[in-house]
Structure formats: C-alpha cells, structure tokens
Protein backbone atom coordinates (compact mmCIF):
# COMPACT_ATOMS: atom_id res chain seq x y z
CA TRP A 1 -21.29 24.57 -32.75
CA ASN A 2 -21.35 24.80 -28.76
CA GLN A 3 -19.76 21.41 -28.58
CA SER A 4 -17.66 19.45 -25.79
CA PHE A 5 -14.74 17.96 -27.22
CA ILE A 6 -11.99 15.14 -24.76
CA ILE A 7 -8.81 14.73 -26.71
CA ASN A 8 -6.78 11.75 -26.15
CA SER A 9 -4.70 9.54 -28.13
CA GLU A 10 -5.25 5.67 -25.50
CA ASN A 11 -6.98 5.78 -21.94
CA LYS A 12 -3.55 5.35 -19.74
CA SER A 13 -3.67 5.34 -16.31
CA PHE A 14 -1.40 7.74 -14.03
CA VAL A 15 0.59 4.71 -12.67
CA ALA A 16 1.59 4.09 -16.06
CA ILE A 17 2.73 7.37 -17.63
CA PHE A 18 4.86 7.57 -14.22
CA ASP A 19 6.70 4.05 -15.14
CA PHE A 20 6.70 5.31 -18.95
CA LEU A 21 8.52 8.36 -17.96
CA ARG A 22 10.58 6.82 -14.76
CA ASN A 23 12.15 3.98 -17.11
CA GLN A 24 13.37 6.77 -19.92
CA TRP A 25 14.79 8.53 -16.71
CA ASN A 26 16.88 5.42 -15.73
CA LEU A 27 14.53 5.57 -11.76
CA PRO A 28 13.59 2.93 -10.11
CA LYS A 29 9.81 2.50 -10.90
CA ILE A 30 7.04 4.16 -8.48
CA LYS A 31 5.54 2.57 -5.78
CA VAL A 32 1.36 1.71 -5.29
CA LEU A 33 -0.26 1.72 -2.74
CA SER A 34 -3.10 -0.32 -1.98
CA ASP A 35 -6.86 0.83 -2.46
CA SER A 36 -6.80 -0.58 1.34
CA LYS A 37 -3.41 1.74 2.37
CA LEU A 38 -5.30 5.11 1.27
CA LYS A 39 -8.36 5.10 2.14
CA PHE A 40 -6.84 4.57 5.55
CA ILE A 41 -4.63 7.60 4.78
CA GLN A 42 -7.82 9.55 4.38
CA LYS A 43 -8.86 7.80 7.42
CA ILE A 44 -6.16 9.01 9.70
CA SER A 45 -5.31 12.84 7.29
CA ARG A 46 -8.92 14.06 8.10
CA ILE A 47 -7.34 14.22 11.67
CA SER A 48 -4.64 16.05 10.36
CA ARG A 49 -7.51 17.92 9.09
CA PHE A 50 -8.43 19.16 12.68
CA PHE A 51 -5.42 20.56 13.29
CA GLY A 52 -4.49 22.72 10.65
CA GLY A 53 -2.89 19.92 8.04
CA LYS A 54 -3.28 18.62 4.70
CA TYR A 55 -5.97 16.01 4.47
CA MET A 56 -6.75 13.84 1.41
CA SER A 57 -10.07 14.39 0.20
CA LYS A 58 -12.61 12.03 -0.93
CA ALA A 59 -12.58 13.78 -4.83
CA SER A 60 -8.91 12.90 -4.69
CA TYR A 61 -9.10 9.36 -2.93
CA GLY A 62 -11.63 9.25 -6.01
CA ALA A 63 -9.17 10.13 -8.63
CA LEU A 64 -6.29 8.32 -7.15
CA THR A 65 -8.32 5.11 -7.14
CA GLY A 66 -11.18 5.25 -10.13
CA LYS A 67 -10.17 4.35 -13.93
CA GLU A 68 -12.25 7.17 -16.49
CA ASN A 69 -12.60 5.35 -19.58
CA TYR A 70 -13.44 8.49 -22.44
CA SER A 71 -13.55 7.72 -26.10
CA ASN A 72 -11.76 10.64 -28.95
CA GLU A 73 -13.97 9.13 -31.23
CA LYS A 74 -16.43 12.22 -32.30
CA ILE A 75 -13.82 14.41 -32.50
CA LYS A 76 -11.94 12.16 -34.62
CA LYS A 77 -15.15 12.13 -36.94
CA GLU A 78 -15.27 15.94 -36.78
CA ILE A 79 -11.76 17.10 -37.55
CA GLY A 80 -11.13 14.20 -39.98
CA ILE A 81 -7.11 13.54 -37.68
CA GLU A 82 -5.64 10.12 -35.61
CA PHE A 83 -3.80 11.08 -32.85
CA ILE A 84 -0.03 10.02 -31.66
CA PRO A 85 0.32 7.82 -29.46
CA ILE A 86 1.02 9.13 -25.85
CA GLU A 87 4.04 6.86 -25.76
CA GLU A 88 5.44 8.85 -28.46
CA SER A 89 4.25 12.02 -27.13
CA LEU A 90 6.12 11.21 -24.20
CA LYS A 91 9.86 9.66 -25.67
CA PHE A 92 9.92 13.76 -27.56
CA HIS A 93 9.04 15.28 -25.11
CA SER A 94 10.43 14.09 -21.85
CA LYS A 95 13.82 14.20 -24.59
CA ARG A 96 13.34 17.79 -24.59
CA PHE A 97 13.19 17.85 -21.17
CA LEU A 98 16.31 16.27 -20.34
CA ASN A 99 17.83 18.10 -22.51
CA LEU A 100 16.92 21.76 -21.24
CA LYS A 101 17.82 20.58 -17.74
CA LEU A 102 21.88 19.96 -19.39
C-alpha cells in the first residue's frame, strides 16, 4: 500500500511519438528546433510576458529539452504482466481516430 508506480512500456521522446503518428496519417515529419533556438524563444517570450502576452516558462523549456528515463520494472514485478509496445498502441488508436473522423 501507499506505493507509487510509473506505467510505461518504453521510453520514447515526444518527437519519436509525433513522427510515428504523422507517418501513420501520411503527414510530413515535424520540425525540431535546436536547444539554442528554444533558449532564444524563451528569452524573447519574457519580453512578451511583460506586455501580457504568452511566454515559455523554465518548466516548459525543461520539458522540451530534457530527457527523462523511467523504469516499469517495479509494476511489472508487482502485477506480473508485460505492457504492449507504444507503437502497437498508437497504431490501434490512430486507426480508430481516423475511422471516427470519417
């Protein structure tokens, strides 16, 4: 009791997931900005914030540029199951989403 678990089947970046989905939907790959460009945007957005506009926080910048790795070994040992791969899940749900859109 009172334990925390992280449920994931594998560590994938947002870029890898969005590229996979865009490939499934026959869309071009996303454009990835370099860390230096994102840092520049963050600094410029501070000026925008001064005038009441939107801005990029340090947390947002960290989420965009950082890479976190999580392990699901604890939950797999506890409940004794294997998770389906992310790509398999994305294929299934993107197919259902496309059917709903039609």
